[in-house]
Amino acid sequence: MPQGTIWEKEYRQPKLLAPTDKPQKDTLNFFRYLRKKHSARLEDKPTILDIGSGNGRNANYLATMGAEVSGIEISETALRVAQHEAQKKNVQVKYTLGSFGDTFRFPENSFDIAIDVTSSNSLNEAEREVYTQELHRTLKPGGFFFLKTLCLDGDKNAKNLLKQSPGPEKHTYIMKKIELVEKVFTRQEIINLYTPHFEILELSKKESYTRMNNRSYKRLFWIGYMKHHR
């Protein structure tokens, strides 16, 4: 099933998502890090790209703090919710409907910061190659990138999913209830994927919980802080 159809069904009748309009905590921690370590403040109106912006929980918040935000989202329902919430908060966010596994509709060097919060782990290998090249093209030299993605190293639930419901590519599994294919990454895979274009400032594992069919599953995530280089 195409990704757009999967995510449209998910936003209409959530099985995986727990809809909220509050910004994601790991995203907030990243911006605190930028302020403390790199003197990068939202009040200075940075241009930010939210990759897989969903219902706008992160993008709309960042806009209320003064940033100039754009979002890419594949689900029409999620986009409508995000735009409605932006109106309620009286902020402007440039939302674009489309897949971030395709060429981004932005010029070169458009953004100071990009964020990817558990979005690109649903891309296939060909889409992921486009996505990393487009990140490289649209982020300004010296720009920052925040990544939160699924971790394989030490994650028992991930290893069970790979064994029970293997996907079509290496380290992928199929979430059968919604037919979504997800990739889980080793540390070396993260390094190999991003270091051609980024300096990895910090890369750590975080334990969290994912809900599916009203059950919680312990999962591990990679949290990556990166700086773009040419």
N, C-alpha and C. Protein backbone atom coordinates (compact mmCIF):
# COMPACT_ATOMS: atom_id res chain seq x y z
N MET A 1 0.84 -1.19 0.00
CA MET A 1 0.00 0.00 0.00
C MET A 1 0.89 1.25 0.00
N PRO A 2 0.61 2.25 -0.85
CA PRO A 2 1.43 3.47 -0.88
C PRO A 2 1.44 4.19 0.47
N GLN A 3 2.57 4.85 0.75
CA GLN A 3 2.71 5.55 2.03
C GLN A 3 1.61 6.57 2.27
N GLY A 4 1.29 7.34 1.22
CA GLY A 4 0.26 8.37 1.38
C GLY A 4 -1.06 7.79 1.85
N THR A 5 -1.45 6.65 1.29
CA THR A 5 -2.70 5.99 1.68
C THR A 5 -2.63 5.50 3.12
N ILE A 6 -1.48 4.92 3.49
CA ILE A 6 -1.30 4.41 4.86
C ILE A 6 -1.44 5.54 5.87
N TRP A 7 -0.73 6.64 5.63
CA TRP A 7 -0.76 7.73 6.60
C TRP A 7 -2.09 8.46 6.60
N GLU A 8 -2.77 8.51 5.45
CA GLU A 8 -4.10 9.11 5.42
C GLU A 8 -5.07 8.31 6.30
N LYS A 9 -5.02 6.98 6.18
CA LYS A 9 -5.85 6.12 7.03
C LYS A 9 -5.50 6.30 8.50
N GLU A 10 -4.20 6.41 8.77
CA GLU A 10 -3.75 6.53 10.16
C GLU A 10 -4.23 7.83 10.79
N TYR A 11 -4.18 8.93 10.05
CA TYR A 11 -4.63 10.21 10.63
C TYR A 11 -6.14 10.29 10.75
N ARG A 12 -6.86 9.53 9.92
CA ARG A 12 -8.32 9.51 10.03
C ARG A 12 -8.77 8.61 11.18
N GLN A 13 -8.10 7.46 11.34
CA GLN A 13 -8.44 6.51 12.40
C GLN A 13 -7.15 6.02 13.05
N PRO A 14 -6.60 6.79 14.00
CA PRO A 14 -5.27 6.49 14.56
C PRO A 14 -5.21 5.13 15.28
N LYS A 15 -4.18 4.36 14.90
CA LYS A 15 -3.84 3.13 15.61
C LYS A 15 -2.45 3.24 16.22
N LEU A 16 -1.59 4.00 15.57
CA LEU A 16 -0.21 4.16 16.00
C LEU A 16 0.00 5.50 16.70
N LEU A 17 -0.60 6.54 16.15
CA LEU A 17 -0.39 7.90 16.66
C LEU A 17 -1.25 8.17 17.89
N ALA A 18 -0.74 9.05 18.73
CA ALA A 18 -1.51 9.57 19.86
C ALA A 18 -1.60 11.08 19.66
N PRO A 19 -2.62 11.54 18.93
CA PRO A 19 -2.68 12.95 18.51
C PRO A 19 -2.63 13.92 19.69
N THR A 20 -1.79 14.94 19.54
CA THR A 20 -1.67 16.01 20.52
C THR A 20 -1.16 17.25 19.80
N ASP A 21 -1.48 18.41 20.33
CA ASP A 21 -0.97 19.64 19.72
C ASP A 21 0.25 20.17 20.48
N LYS A 22 0.72 19.41 21.46
CA LYS A 22 1.90 19.84 22.21
C LYS A 22 3.18 19.44 21.48
N PRO A 23 4.20 20.29 21.49
CA PRO A 23 5.44 19.95 20.79
C PRO A 23 6.12 18.75 21.44
N GLN A 24 6.87 18.02 20.63
CA GLN A 24 7.55 16.82 21.08
C GLN A 24 8.74 17.18 21.98
N LYS A 25 8.87 16.50 23.11
CA LYS A 25 9.85 16.90 24.12
C LYS A 25 11.29 16.83 23.60
N ASP A 26 11.61 15.81 22.82
CA ASP A 26 12.98 15.70 22.31
C ASP A 26 13.31 16.85 21.36
N THR A 27 12.30 17.33 20.66
CA THR A 27 12.49 18.49 19.79
C THR A 27 12.80 19.73 20.62
N LEU A 28 12.07 19.92 21.69
CA LEU A 28 12.32 21.07 22.58
C LEU A 28 13.72 20.99 23.17
N ASN A 29 14.15 19.77 23.53
CA ASN A 29 15.51 19.61 24.08
C ASN A 29 16.57 20.01 23.06
N PHE A 30 16.33 19.70 21.80
CA PHE A 30 17.27 20.07 20.74
C PHE A 30 17.39 21.59 20.65
N PHE A 31 16.29 22.30 20.71
CA PHE A 31 16.36 23.76 20.60
C PHE A 31 16.97 24.39 21.85
N ARG A 32 16.81 23.74 22.99
CA ARG A 32 17.52 24.22 24.19
C ARG A 32 19.03 24.03 24.00
N TYR A 33 19.40 22.91 23.42
CA TYR A 33 20.82 22.64 23.13
C TYR A 33 21.38 23.70 22.18
N LEU A 34 20.64 24.02 21.13
CA LEU A 34 21.12 25.03 20.17
C LEU A 34 21.31 26.38 20.85
N ARG A 35 20.40 26.74 21.73
CA ARG A 35 20.52 28.02 22.44
C ARG A 35 21.75 28.03 23.34
N LYS A 36 21.95 26.93 24.08
CA LYS A 36 23.02 26.88 25.07
C LYS A 36 24.39 26.73 24.42
N LYS A 37 24.50 25.84 23.43
CA LYS A 37 25.81 25.50 22.87
C LYS A 37 26.19 26.32 21.64
N HIS A 38 25.19 26.84 20.92
CA HIS A 38 25.49 27.49 19.65
C HIS A 38 24.84 28.88 19.52
N SER A 39 24.25 29.35 20.61
CA SER A 39 23.63 30.69 20.64
C SER A 39 22.61 30.86 19.51
N ALA A 40 21.93 29.78 19.14
CA ALA A 40 20.89 29.83 18.11
C ALA A 40 19.54 29.90 18.79
N ARG A 41 18.85 31.03 18.60
CA ARG A 41 17.61 31.27 19.33
C ARG A 41 16.44 31.36 18.36
N LEU A 42 15.29 30.83 18.78
CA LEU A 42 14.09 30.92 17.96
C LEU A 42 13.64 32.36 17.78
N GLU A 43 13.94 33.20 18.76
CA GLU A 43 13.56 34.62 18.66
C GLU A 43 14.28 35.34 17.53
N ASP A 44 15.37 34.77 17.06
CA ASP A 44 16.11 35.37 15.94
C ASP A 44 15.53 35.00 14.59
N LYS A 45 14.38 34.33 14.60
CA LYS A 45 13.61 33.99 13.40
C LYS A 45 14.36 33.10 12.41
N PRO A 46 14.91 31.98 12.87
CA PRO A 46 15.55 31.06 11.92
C PRO A 46 14.51 30.45 10.98
N THR A 47 14.95 30.06 9.80
CA THR A 47 14.09 29.32 8.88
C THR A 47 14.23 27.83 9.20
N ILE A 48 13.09 27.17 9.40
CA ILE A 48 13.08 25.78 9.86
C ILE A 48 12.23 24.93 8.93
N LEU A 49 12.72 23.74 8.61
CA LEU A 49 11.96 22.76 7.84
C LEU A 49 11.60 21.60 8.75
N ASP A 50 10.30 21.32 8.84
CA ASP A 50 9.79 20.18 9.61
C ASP A 50 9.44 19.08 8.61
N ILE A 51 10.22 18.00 8.62
CA ILE A 51 10.09 16.91 7.66
C ILE A 51 9.12 15.87 8.21
N GLY A 52 7.98 15.73 7.57
CA GLY A 52 6.93 14.86 8.10
C GLY A 52 6.23 15.58 9.24
N SER A 53 5.64 16.73 8.92
CA SER A 53 5.15 17.65 9.95
C SER A 53 3.86 17.20 10.62
N GLY A 54 3.18 16.18 10.09
CA GLY A 54 2.03 15.62 10.77
C GLY A 54 0.94 16.64 11.03
N ASN A 55 0.42 16.63 12.27
CA ASN A 55 -0.65 17.56 12.62
C ASN A 55 -0.14 18.94 13.03
N GLY A 56 1.15 19.19 12.84
CA GLY A 56 1.70 20.52 13.09
C GLY A 56 2.13 20.77 14.52
N ARG A 57 2.22 19.74 15.33
CA ARG A 57 2.51 19.94 16.75
C ARG A 57 3.84 20.65 16.98
N ASN A 58 4.86 20.30 16.19
CA ASN A 58 6.16 20.95 16.33
C ASN A 58 6.23 22.25 15.52
N ALA A 59 5.78 22.19 14.27
CA ALA A 59 5.89 23.36 13.39
C ALA A 59 5.12 24.55 13.93
N ASN A 60 3.90 24.34 14.40
CA ASN A 60 3.10 25.46 14.90
C ASN A 60 3.71 26.05 16.17
N TYR A 61 4.22 25.19 17.03
CA TYR A 61 4.87 25.70 18.24
C TYR A 61 6.08 26.55 17.89
N LEU A 62 6.93 26.05 16.99
CA LEU A 62 8.13 26.79 16.62
C LEU A 62 7.77 28.13 16.00
N ALA A 63 6.67 28.16 15.27
CA ALA A 63 6.22 29.43 14.69
C ALA A 63 5.76 30.41 15.77
N THR A 64 5.12 29.90 16.83
CA THR A 64 4.70 30.80 17.92
C THR A 64 5.90 31.40 18.63
N MET A 65 7.06 30.74 18.54
CA MET A 65 8.26 31.23 19.19
C MET A 65 9.07 32.18 18.30
N GLY A 66 8.58 32.42 17.08
CA GLY A 66 9.22 33.42 16.23
C GLY A 66 9.89 32.87 14.99
N ALA A 67 10.01 31.55 14.86
CA ALA A 67 10.69 30.97 13.70
C ALA A 67 9.82 31.07 12.44
N GLU A 68 10.48 31.04 11.30
CA GLU A 68 9.81 30.97 10.01
C GLU A 68 9.83 29.51 9.57
N VAL A 69 8.68 28.86 9.61
CA VAL A 69 8.61 27.41 9.52
C VAL A 69 7.91 26.95 8.24
N SER A 70 8.48 25.90 7.64
CA SER A 70 7.84 25.19 6.54
C SER A 70 7.71 23.73 6.93
N GLY A 71 6.66 23.08 6.46
CA GLY A 71 6.45 21.67 6.77
C GLY A 71 6.10 20.87 5.53
N ILE A 72 6.60 19.65 5.46
CA ILE A 72 6.23 18.72 4.39
C ILE A 72 5.45 17.57 5.03
N GLU A 73 4.28 17.27 4.47
CA GLU A 73 3.44 16.22 5.04
C GLU A 73 2.70 15.49 3.91
N ILE A 74 2.62 14.17 4.00
CA ILE A 74 2.04 13.35 2.95
C ILE A 74 0.53 13.13 3.11
N SER A 75 -0.01 13.36 4.31
CA SER A 75 -1.42 13.13 4.58
C SER A 75 -2.23 14.42 4.47
N GLU A 76 -3.26 14.43 3.63
CA GLU A 76 -4.11 15.61 3.50
C GLU A 76 -4.83 15.91 4.80
N THR A 77 -5.29 14.86 5.48
CA THR A 77 -6.01 15.07 6.74
C THR A 77 -5.09 15.73 7.77
N ALA A 78 -3.86 15.23 7.91
CA ALA A 78 -2.91 15.82 8.86
C ALA A 78 -2.63 17.27 8.49
N LEU A 79 -2.51 17.55 7.20
CA LEU A 79 -2.21 18.91 6.76
C LEU A 79 -3.36 19.86 7.10
N ARG A 80 -4.58 19.41 6.91
CA ARG A 80 -5.73 20.26 7.24
C ARG A 80 -5.76 20.55 8.74
N VAL A 81 -5.48 19.52 9.55
CA VAL A 81 -5.45 19.73 11.01
C VAL A 81 -4.36 20.73 11.37
N ALA A 82 -3.18 20.58 10.78
CA ALA A 82 -2.06 21.48 11.06
C ALA A 82 -2.39 22.91 10.69
N GLN A 83 -3.00 23.10 9.54
CA GLN A 83 -3.36 24.45 9.09
C GLN A 83 -4.42 25.06 9.99
N HIS A 84 -5.38 24.25 10.42
CA HIS A 84 -6.43 24.73 11.33
C HIS A 84 -5.83 25.16 12.67
N GLU A 85 -4.91 24.35 13.19
CA GLU A 85 -4.26 24.69 14.46
C GLU A 85 -3.39 25.94 14.32
N ALA A 86 -2.76 26.11 13.17
CA ALA A 86 -1.96 27.32 12.94
C ALA A 86 -2.85 28.56 12.97
N GLN A 87 -4.02 28.46 12.37
CA GLN A 87 -4.96 29.59 12.40
C GLN A 87 -5.40 29.90 13.82
N LYS A 88 -5.68 28.84 14.60
CA LYS A 88 -6.08 29.04 16.00
C LYS A 88 -4.99 29.73 16.80
N LYS A 89 -3.72 29.40 16.50
CA LYS A 89 -2.60 30.00 17.22
C LYS A 89 -2.17 31.33 16.59
N ASN A 90 -2.82 31.70 15.49
CA ASN A 90 -2.52 32.95 14.79
C ASN A 90 -1.06 33.02 14.34
N VAL A 91 -0.60 31.91 13.72
CA VAL A 91 0.76 31.87 13.18
C VAL A 91 0.72 31.45 11.72
N GLN A 92 1.77 31.77 11.00
CA GLN A 92 1.91 31.39 9.60
C GLN A 92 2.95 30.28 9.48
N VAL A 93 2.54 29.15 8.92
CA VAL A 93 3.45 28.05 8.60
C VAL A 93 3.20 27.66 7.15
N LYS A 94 4.26 27.50 6.38
CA LYS A 94 4.12 27.14 4.97
C LYS A 94 4.09 25.61 4.86
N TYR A 95 2.88 25.07 4.86
CA TYR A 95 2.72 23.63 4.76
C TYR A 95 2.63 23.20 3.30
N THR A 96 3.33 22.10 2.97
CA THR A 96 3.35 21.55 1.62
C THR A 96 2.90 20.10 1.67
N LEU A 97 1.94 19.74 0.80
CA LEU A 97 1.49 18.37 0.70
C LEU A 97 2.41 17.60 -0.24
N GLY A 98 2.98 16.51 0.24
CA GLY A 98 3.86 15.71 -0.60
C GLY A 98 4.73 14.79 0.22
N SER A 99 5.48 13.95 -0.48
CA SER A 99 6.40 13.01 0.15
C SER A 99 7.79 13.63 0.25
N PHE A 100 8.44 13.49 1.40
CA PHE A 100 9.82 13.98 1.53
C PHE A 100 10.81 12.94 1.01
N GLY A 101 10.28 11.88 0.39
CA GLY A 101 11.11 10.96 -0.38
C GLY A 101 11.23 11.40 -1.83
N ASP A 102 10.59 12.53 -2.16
CA ASP A 102 10.70 13.16 -3.48
C ASP A 102 11.46 14.47 -3.35
N THR A 103 11.79 15.08 -4.46
CA THR A 103 12.49 16.36 -4.45
C THR A 103 11.70 17.41 -3.67
N PHE A 104 12.37 18.10 -2.75
CA PHE A 104 11.72 19.15 -1.97
C PHE A 104 11.41 20.36 -2.86
N ARG A 105 10.32 21.03 -2.57
CA ARG A 105 9.91 22.18 -3.38
C ARG A 105 10.45 23.49 -2.79
N PHE A 106 11.74 23.48 -2.51
CA PHE A 106 12.37 24.66 -1.93
C PHE A 106 13.70 24.91 -2.64
N PRO A 107 14.12 26.17 -2.73
CA PRO A 107 15.41 26.47 -3.35
C PRO A 107 16.58 26.00 -2.49
N GLU A 108 17.77 26.02 -3.08
CA GLU A 108 18.98 25.70 -2.33
C GLU A 108 19.16 26.66 -1.16
N ASN A 109 19.77 26.16 -0.10
CA ASN A 109 20.14 26.98 1.07
C ASN A 109 18.94 27.74 1.65
N SER A 110 17.80 27.06 1.74
CA SER A 110 16.58 27.72 2.23
C SER A 110 16.49 27.78 3.75
N PHE A 111 17.13 26.82 4.44
CA PHE A 111 16.83 26.64 5.86
C PHE A 111 18.06 26.69 6.75
N ASP A 112 17.85 27.29 7.92
CA ASP A 112 18.88 27.29 8.97
C ASP A 112 18.88 25.97 9.74
N ILE A 113 17.70 25.37 9.87
CA ILE A 113 17.51 24.19 10.71
C ILE A 113 16.51 23.26 10.03
N ALA A 114 16.73 21.96 10.15
CA ALA A 114 15.74 20.96 9.72
C ALA A 114 15.53 19.97 10.85
N ILE A 115 14.30 19.47 10.99
CA ILE A 115 13.99 18.47 12.00
C ILE A 115 13.26 17.29 11.36
N ASP A 116 13.60 16.10 11.80
CA ASP A 116 12.99 14.86 11.32
C ASP A 116 12.70 14.02 12.56
N VAL A 117 11.43 14.03 12.97
CA VAL A 117 11.03 13.33 14.19
C VAL A 117 10.30 12.05 13.80
N THR A 118 11.02 10.94 13.81
CA THR A 118 10.52 9.60 13.45
C THR A 118 9.69 9.63 12.17
N SER A 119 10.22 10.29 11.16
CA SER A 119 9.54 10.35 9.87
C SER A 119 10.26 9.54 8.80
N SER A 120 11.55 9.77 8.62
CA SER A 120 12.26 9.15 7.49
C SER A 120 12.46 7.66 7.66
N ASN A 121 12.19 7.10 8.86
CA ASN A 121 12.33 5.66 9.02
C ASN A 121 11.26 4.89 8.25
N SER A 122 10.27 5.59 7.67
CA SER A 122 9.27 4.91 6.84
C SER A 122 9.58 5.01 5.35
N LEU A 123 10.73 5.60 4.98
CA LEU A 123 11.14 5.67 3.58
C LEU A 123 11.82 4.37 3.17
N ASN A 124 11.77 4.07 1.87
CA ASN A 124 12.59 2.97 1.37
C ASN A 124 13.98 3.50 1.00
N GLU A 125 14.86 2.61 0.57
CA GLU A 125 16.25 3.01 0.32
C GLU A 125 16.37 4.07 -0.77
N ALA A 126 15.61 3.91 -1.85
CA ALA A 126 15.68 4.89 -2.94
C ALA A 126 15.17 6.25 -2.48
N GLU A 127 14.07 6.26 -1.72
CA GLU A 127 13.53 7.52 -1.21
C GLU A 127 14.49 8.16 -0.22
N ARG A 128 15.15 7.32 0.60
CA ARG A 128 16.06 7.85 1.61
C ARG A 128 17.27 8.53 0.96
N GLU A 129 17.70 8.02 -0.17
CA GLU A 129 18.80 8.65 -0.90
C GLU A 129 18.40 10.03 -1.40
N VAL A 130 17.18 10.16 -1.92
CA VAL A 130 16.67 11.47 -2.35
C VAL A 130 16.57 12.41 -1.15
N TYR A 131 16.01 11.90 -0.07
CA TYR A 131 15.81 12.70 1.15
C TYR A 131 17.12 13.28 1.69
N THR A 132 18.18 12.47 1.75
CA THR A 132 19.45 12.99 2.27
C THR A 132 20.07 14.00 1.32
N GLN A 133 19.94 13.78 0.02
CA GLN A 133 20.45 14.74 -0.94
C GLN A 133 19.68 16.05 -0.87
N GLU A 134 18.38 15.97 -0.66
CA GLU A 134 17.56 17.18 -0.57
C GLU A 134 17.82 17.94 0.74
N LEU A 135 18.06 17.22 1.82
CA LEU A 135 18.49 17.87 3.05
C LEU A 135 19.77 18.66 2.81
N HIS A 136 20.71 18.01 2.15
CA HIS A 136 22.00 18.64 1.84
C HIS A 136 21.80 19.88 0.96
N ARG A 137 20.90 19.80 0.00
CA ARG A 137 20.69 20.90 -0.94
C ARG A 137 19.99 22.10 -0.29
N THR A 138 19.02 21.84 0.55
CA THR A 138 18.17 22.93 1.06
C THR A 138 18.64 23.51 2.39
N LEU A 139 19.50 22.79 3.13
CA LEU A 139 20.05 23.35 4.37
C LEU A 139 21.22 24.28 4.05
N LYS A 140 21.28 25.38 4.75
CA LYS A 140 22.39 26.31 4.57
C LYS A 140 23.69 25.70 5.12
N PRO A 141 24.84 26.06 4.56
CA PRO A 141 26.11 25.62 5.16
C PRO A 141 26.17 26.06 6.63
N GLY A 142 26.52 25.15 7.51
CA GLY A 142 26.54 25.47 8.93
C GLY A 142 25.19 25.33 9.61
N GLY A 143 24.16 24.94 8.83
CA GLY A 143 22.83 24.75 9.42
C GLY A 143 22.79 23.51 10.29
N PHE A 144 21.75 23.41 11.10
CA PHE A 144 21.63 22.32 12.07
C PHE A 144 20.50 21.37 11.69
N PHE A 145 20.66 20.12 12.10
CA PHE A 145 19.69 19.08 11.80
C PHE A 145 19.43 18.25 13.05
N PHE A 146 18.14 18.04 13.33
CA PHE A 146 17.73 17.19 14.45
C PHE A 146 17.08 15.92 13.90
N LEU A 147 17.55 14.78 14.37
CA LEU A 147 17.02 13.48 13.95
C LEU A 147 16.58 12.68 15.17
N LYS A 148 15.36 12.19 15.10
CA LYS A 148 14.92 11.15 16.02
C LYS A 148 14.40 10.01 15.15
N THR A 149 14.99 8.82 15.33
CA THR A 149 14.60 7.70 14.48
C THR A 149 14.73 6.39 15.23
N LEU A 150 14.21 5.34 14.65
CA LEU A 150 14.16 4.04 15.32
C LEU A 150 15.53 3.38 15.41
N CYS A 151 15.79 2.78 16.56
CA CYS A 151 17.09 2.17 16.85
C CYS A 151 16.97 0.65 16.87
N LEU A 152 17.94 -0.01 16.26
CA LEU A 152 18.01 -1.48 16.29
C LEU A 152 18.88 -1.98 17.43
N ASP A 153 20.01 -1.31 17.67
CA ASP A 153 20.99 -1.79 18.65
C ASP A 153 20.37 -1.90 20.05
N GLY A 154 20.23 -3.13 20.53
CA GLY A 154 19.74 -3.35 21.88
C GLY A 154 18.24 -3.32 22.04
N ASP A 155 17.48 -3.19 20.94
CA ASP A 155 16.02 -3.10 21.04
C ASP A 155 15.40 -4.47 20.77
N LYS A 156 14.91 -5.13 21.82
CA LYS A 156 14.36 -6.48 21.69
C LYS A 156 13.09 -6.49 20.85
N ASN A 157 12.23 -5.48 21.02
CA ASN A 157 11.00 -5.44 20.24
C ASN A 157 11.28 -5.27 18.76
N ALA A 158 12.28 -4.44 18.43
CA ALA A 158 12.65 -4.26 17.03
C ALA A 158 13.15 -5.58 16.44
N LYS A 159 13.97 -6.29 17.18
CA LYS A 159 14.50 -7.56 16.68
C LYS A 159 13.39 -8.59 16.50
N ASN A 160 12.39 -8.60 17.38
CA ASN A 160 11.26 -9.50 17.24
C ASN A 160 10.44 -9.16 15.98
N LEU A 161 10.24 -7.87 15.75
CA LEU A 161 9.49 -7.45 14.57
C LEU A 161 10.21 -7.83 13.28
N LEU A 162 11.53 -7.68 13.27
CA LEU A 162 12.32 -8.06 12.10
C LEU A 162 12.19 -9.56 11.82
N LYS A 163 12.11 -10.33 12.88
CA LYS A 163 12.01 -11.79 12.73
C LYS A 163 10.60 -12.23 12.34
N GLN A 164 9.59 -11.61 12.97
CA GLN A 164 8.21 -12.05 12.78
C GLN A 164 7.57 -11.48 11.52
N SER A 165 7.92 -10.22 11.18
CA SER A 165 7.29 -9.55 10.04
C SER A 165 8.33 -8.84 9.18
N PRO A 166 9.27 -9.60 8.59
CA PRO A 166 10.34 -8.96 7.84
C PRO A 166 9.83 -8.16 6.65
N GLY A 167 10.48 -7.01 6.42
CA GLY A 167 10.12 -6.16 5.30
C GLY A 167 10.95 -6.47 4.07
N PRO A 168 10.79 -5.66 3.02
CA PRO A 168 11.45 -5.96 1.75
C PRO A 168 12.92 -5.58 1.69
N GLU A 169 13.41 -4.77 2.65
CA GLU A 169 14.79 -4.31 2.63
C GLU A 169 15.46 -4.62 3.96
N LYS A 170 16.77 -4.49 4.00
CA LYS A 170 17.53 -4.81 5.20
C LYS A 170 17.06 -3.98 6.39
N HIS A 171 16.90 -4.66 7.53
CA HIS A 171 16.50 -4.03 8.79
C HIS A 171 15.16 -3.30 8.67
N THR A 172 14.23 -3.88 7.91
CA THR A 172 12.87 -3.35 7.85
C THR A 172 11.88 -4.42 8.29
N TYR A 173 10.76 -3.96 8.84
CA TYR A 173 9.66 -4.86 9.20
C TYR A 173 8.36 -4.21 8.76
N ILE A 174 7.31 -5.01 8.71
CA ILE A 174 5.99 -4.53 8.31
C ILE A 174 5.09 -4.49 9.53
N MET A 175 4.52 -3.33 9.81
CA MET A 175 3.53 -3.21 10.88
C MET A 175 2.20 -3.67 10.29
N LYS A 176 1.82 -4.92 10.55
CA LYS A 176 0.74 -5.56 9.82
C LYS A 176 -0.61 -4.87 9.98
N LYS A 177 -0.87 -4.30 11.15
CA LYS A 177 -2.18 -3.69 11.38
C LYS A 177 -2.42 -2.49 10.47
N ILE A 178 -1.33 -1.80 10.08
CA ILE A 178 -1.49 -0.63 9.22
C ILE A 178 -0.70 -0.75 7.92
N GLU A 179 0.02 -1.86 7.76
CA GLU A 179 0.78 -2.18 6.54
C GLU A 179 1.95 -1.23 6.30
N LEU A 180 2.41 -0.57 7.33
CA LEU A 180 3.53 0.36 7.20
C LEU A 180 4.85 -0.39 7.31
N VAL A 181 5.77 -0.10 6.40
CA VAL A 181 7.11 -0.64 6.46
C VAL A 181 8.00 0.37 7.18
N GLU A 182 8.72 -0.09 8.21
CA GLU A 182 9.62 0.79 8.95
C GLU A 182 11.03 0.21 8.98
N LYS A 183 12.01 1.09 8.99
CA LYS A 183 13.40 0.68 9.11
C LYS A 183 13.92 1.03 10.49
N VAL A 184 14.70 0.11 11.06
CA VAL A 184 15.40 0.38 12.31
C VAL A 184 16.89 0.43 11.99
N PHE A 185 17.60 1.37 12.64
CA PHE A 185 18.97 1.68 12.27
C PHE A 185 19.98 1.24 13.33
N THR A 186 21.10 0.71 12.87
CA THR A 186 22.25 0.56 13.74
C THR A 186 22.98 1.90 13.82
N ARG A 187 23.85 2.04 14.82
CA ARG A 187 24.65 3.26 14.93
C ARG A 187 25.48 3.47 13.66
N GLN A 188 26.07 2.39 13.15
CA GLN A 188 26.92 2.54 11.96
C GLN A 188 26.11 2.98 10.75
N GLU A 189 24.87 2.51 10.64
CA GLU A 189 24.02 2.94 9.52
C GLU A 189 23.72 4.44 9.60
N ILE A 190 23.48 4.94 10.80
CA ILE A 190 23.27 6.39 10.97
C ILE A 190 24.51 7.15 10.54
N ILE A 191 25.66 6.70 11.00
CA ILE A 191 26.92 7.36 10.65
C ILE A 191 27.15 7.34 9.14
N ASN A 192 26.94 6.17 8.52
CA ASN A 192 27.16 6.05 7.09
C ASN A 192 26.20 6.91 6.28
N LEU A 193 24.98 7.03 6.75
CA LEU A 193 23.96 7.78 6.01
C LEU A 193 24.18 9.28 6.05
N TYR A 194 24.59 9.79 7.23
CA TYR A 194 24.58 11.25 7.39
C TYR A 194 25.96 11.92 7.32
N THR A 195 27.04 11.19 7.61
CA THR A 195 28.33 11.88 7.66
C THR A 195 28.85 12.41 6.32
N PRO A 196 28.38 11.93 5.16
CA PRO A 196 28.81 12.61 3.93
C PRO A 196 28.45 14.09 3.89
N HIS A 197 27.39 14.48 4.61
CA HIS A 197 26.93 15.87 4.56
C HIS A 197 26.85 16.55 5.92
N PHE A 198 27.06 15.79 6.99
CA PHE A 198 26.87 16.35 8.33
C PHE A 198 27.99 15.95 9.28
N GLU A 199 28.30 16.86 10.18
CA GLU A 199 29.10 16.53 11.35
C GLU A 199 28.13 16.12 12.45
N ILE A 200 28.32 14.93 12.98
CA ILE A 200 27.45 14.47 14.06
C ILE A 200 27.97 15.04 15.38
N LEU A 201 27.21 15.96 15.94
CA LEU A 201 27.61 16.61 17.18
C LEU A 201 27.32 15.71 18.38
N GLU A 202 26.17 15.08 18.37
CA GLU A 202 25.79 14.15 19.43
C GLU A 202 24.92 13.06 18.82
N LEU A 203 25.12 11.82 19.27
CA LEU A 203 24.28 10.70 18.85
C LEU A 203 24.10 9.79 20.05
N SER A 204 22.87 9.72 20.53
CA SER A 204 22.61 8.96 21.75
C SER A 204 21.35 8.11 21.57
N LYS A 205 21.22 7.11 22.45
CA LYS A 205 20.02 6.27 22.46
C LYS A 205 19.09 6.74 23.56
N LYS A 206 17.79 6.67 23.25
CA LYS A 206 16.80 7.02 24.26
C LYS A 206 15.73 5.94 24.30
N GLU A 207 15.38 5.54 25.50
CA GLU A 207 14.30 4.57 25.70
C GLU A 207 12.97 5.31 25.80
N SER A 208 11.99 4.81 25.07
CA SER A 208 10.67 5.42 25.11
C SER A 208 9.63 4.34 24.86
N TYR A 209 8.38 4.75 24.75
CA TYR A 209 7.31 3.79 24.53
C TYR A 209 6.49 4.18 23.31
N THR A 210 6.12 3.17 22.52
CA THR A 210 5.28 3.35 21.35
C THR A 210 3.97 2.63 21.58
N ARG A 211 2.85 3.28 21.26
CA ARG A 211 1.54 2.65 21.44
C ARG A 211 1.06 2.08 20.12
N MET A 212 0.49 0.89 20.19
CA MET A 212 -0.10 0.23 19.03
C MET A 212 -1.26 -0.61 19.51
N ASN A 213 -2.46 -0.36 18.95
CA ASN A 213 -3.65 -1.13 19.34
C ASN A 213 -3.87 -1.12 20.85
N ASN A 214 -3.73 0.08 21.42
CA ASN A 214 -3.97 0.30 22.85
C ASN A 214 -2.99 -0.42 23.76
N ARG A 215 -1.83 -0.81 23.21
CA ARG A 215 -0.78 -1.40 24.04
C ARG A 215 0.49 -0.57 23.90
N SER A 216 1.31 -0.55 24.95
CA SER A 216 2.57 0.17 24.93
C SER A 216 3.72 -0.80 24.77
N TYR A 217 4.67 -0.44 23.92
CA TYR A 217 5.84 -1.26 23.68
C TYR A 217 7.09 -0.42 23.93
N LYS A 218 8.03 -0.98 24.70
CA LYS A 218 9.28 -0.27 24.94
C LYS A 218 10.12 -0.31 23.68
N ARG A 219 10.59 0.87 23.27
CA ARG A 219 11.42 0.97 22.07
C ARG A 219 12.63 1.86 22.37
N LEU A 220 13.65 1.70 21.54
CA LEU A 220 14.82 2.56 21.60
C LEU A 220 14.86 3.44 20.36
N PHE A 221 15.29 4.67 20.57
CA PHE A 221 15.38 5.65 19.49
C PHE A 221 16.77 6.26 19.46
N TRP A 222 17.23 6.60 18.26
CA TRP A 222 18.42 7.42 18.12
C TRP A 222 18.03 8.88 18.19
N ILE A 223 18.78 9.65 18.96
CA ILE A 223 18.64 11.10 19.01
C ILE A 223 19.93 11.69 18.45
N GLY A 224 19.83 12.38 17.33
CA GLY A 224 21.01 12.91 16.67
C GLY A 224 20.97 14.43 16.51
N TYR A 225 22.05 15.08 16.92
CA TYR A 225 22.25 16.51 16.69
C TYR A 225 23.38 16.65 15.67
N MET A 226 23.12 17.34 14.57
CA MET A 226 24.11 17.39 13.50
C MET A 226 24.26 18.81 12.95
N LYS A 227 25.41 19.03 12.32
CA LYS A 227 25.70 20.32 11.69
C LYS A 227 26.06 20.07 10.24
N HIS A 228 25.45 20.84 9.36
CA HIS A 228 25.62 20.64 7.92
C HIS A 228 26.95 21.21 7.44
N HIS A 229 27.61 20.46 6.56
CA HIS A 229 28.82 20.97 5.93
C HIS A 229 28.75 20.71 4.44
N ARG A 230 29.52 21.48 3.69
CA ARG A 230 29.57 21.32 2.23
C ARG A 230 30.77 20.47 1.84
